[in-house]
Amino acid sequence: MSTSQRPVLGDGVVRLRPPRAQDAVARLRLGNTPAIHHMFGADPATVPAMTRAQADRWLYAQEVEPWAWVIEHKRRMIGALRLHSYEAHHGRAALAVGILDSKMLGKGLGTRAISLVLPHAFGRLGLHRVSARVLSYNEAAIGAFRKAGFTEEGRARAATRVGDTWYDDVLMGVLADDLAKPEAA
């Protein structure tokens, strides 16, 4: 695939870049932190240790996605971001973001990553709309999407089961026009 669809995007703090072979080793080192995977919908009690085979599969999943980037901070891989579920006729895609390094949580790096990819999505890729689904208890992710310009559009009630408990999915979205509007003073 051409890297023209996923160029390197950066703001001096966070960099989004295409995946590369050594990312499997970095992913293995980051491991599977139960608290992080809980934010993705996994039952923390059932999160297995990361294996080399899982890290290799993770890398492959990033490589085959045409709009997937690795998130770097200070030249270290800290997570991944991808636009997926693309619908050309409607000019829309969904966005998934994962900060996988527990030491990097709460520093605004997810917000920066989202803010880097949106101009690319609405510019070069020509999208009209980007959406996200976030578990209702993942307040940090909801905040990151809001700071990047997303609006809460609704909820899918009891849509995700984690362990024995059902949780709502918060449905969020941003339109190209939303980012073009000047902010109110």
Foldseek 3Di string as FASTA:
>chain_A
DDCVLPPWWDDVFKIWHQFDDCQLVLDLVLWAQLVQVVQVQEQSVPRDTDDSVNSVVVNVVRNVASAKTFMDGPNGGQWIKGWAPDDVVQLETEIDTGGSHPVPPPPLSLLRVLLRCVCSSCPVVVGFKYKYKGWPVPVSVVVSCVVSQKDFDDWDQQPGDYPNDGTIITIIMHGPVRVVDDDDD
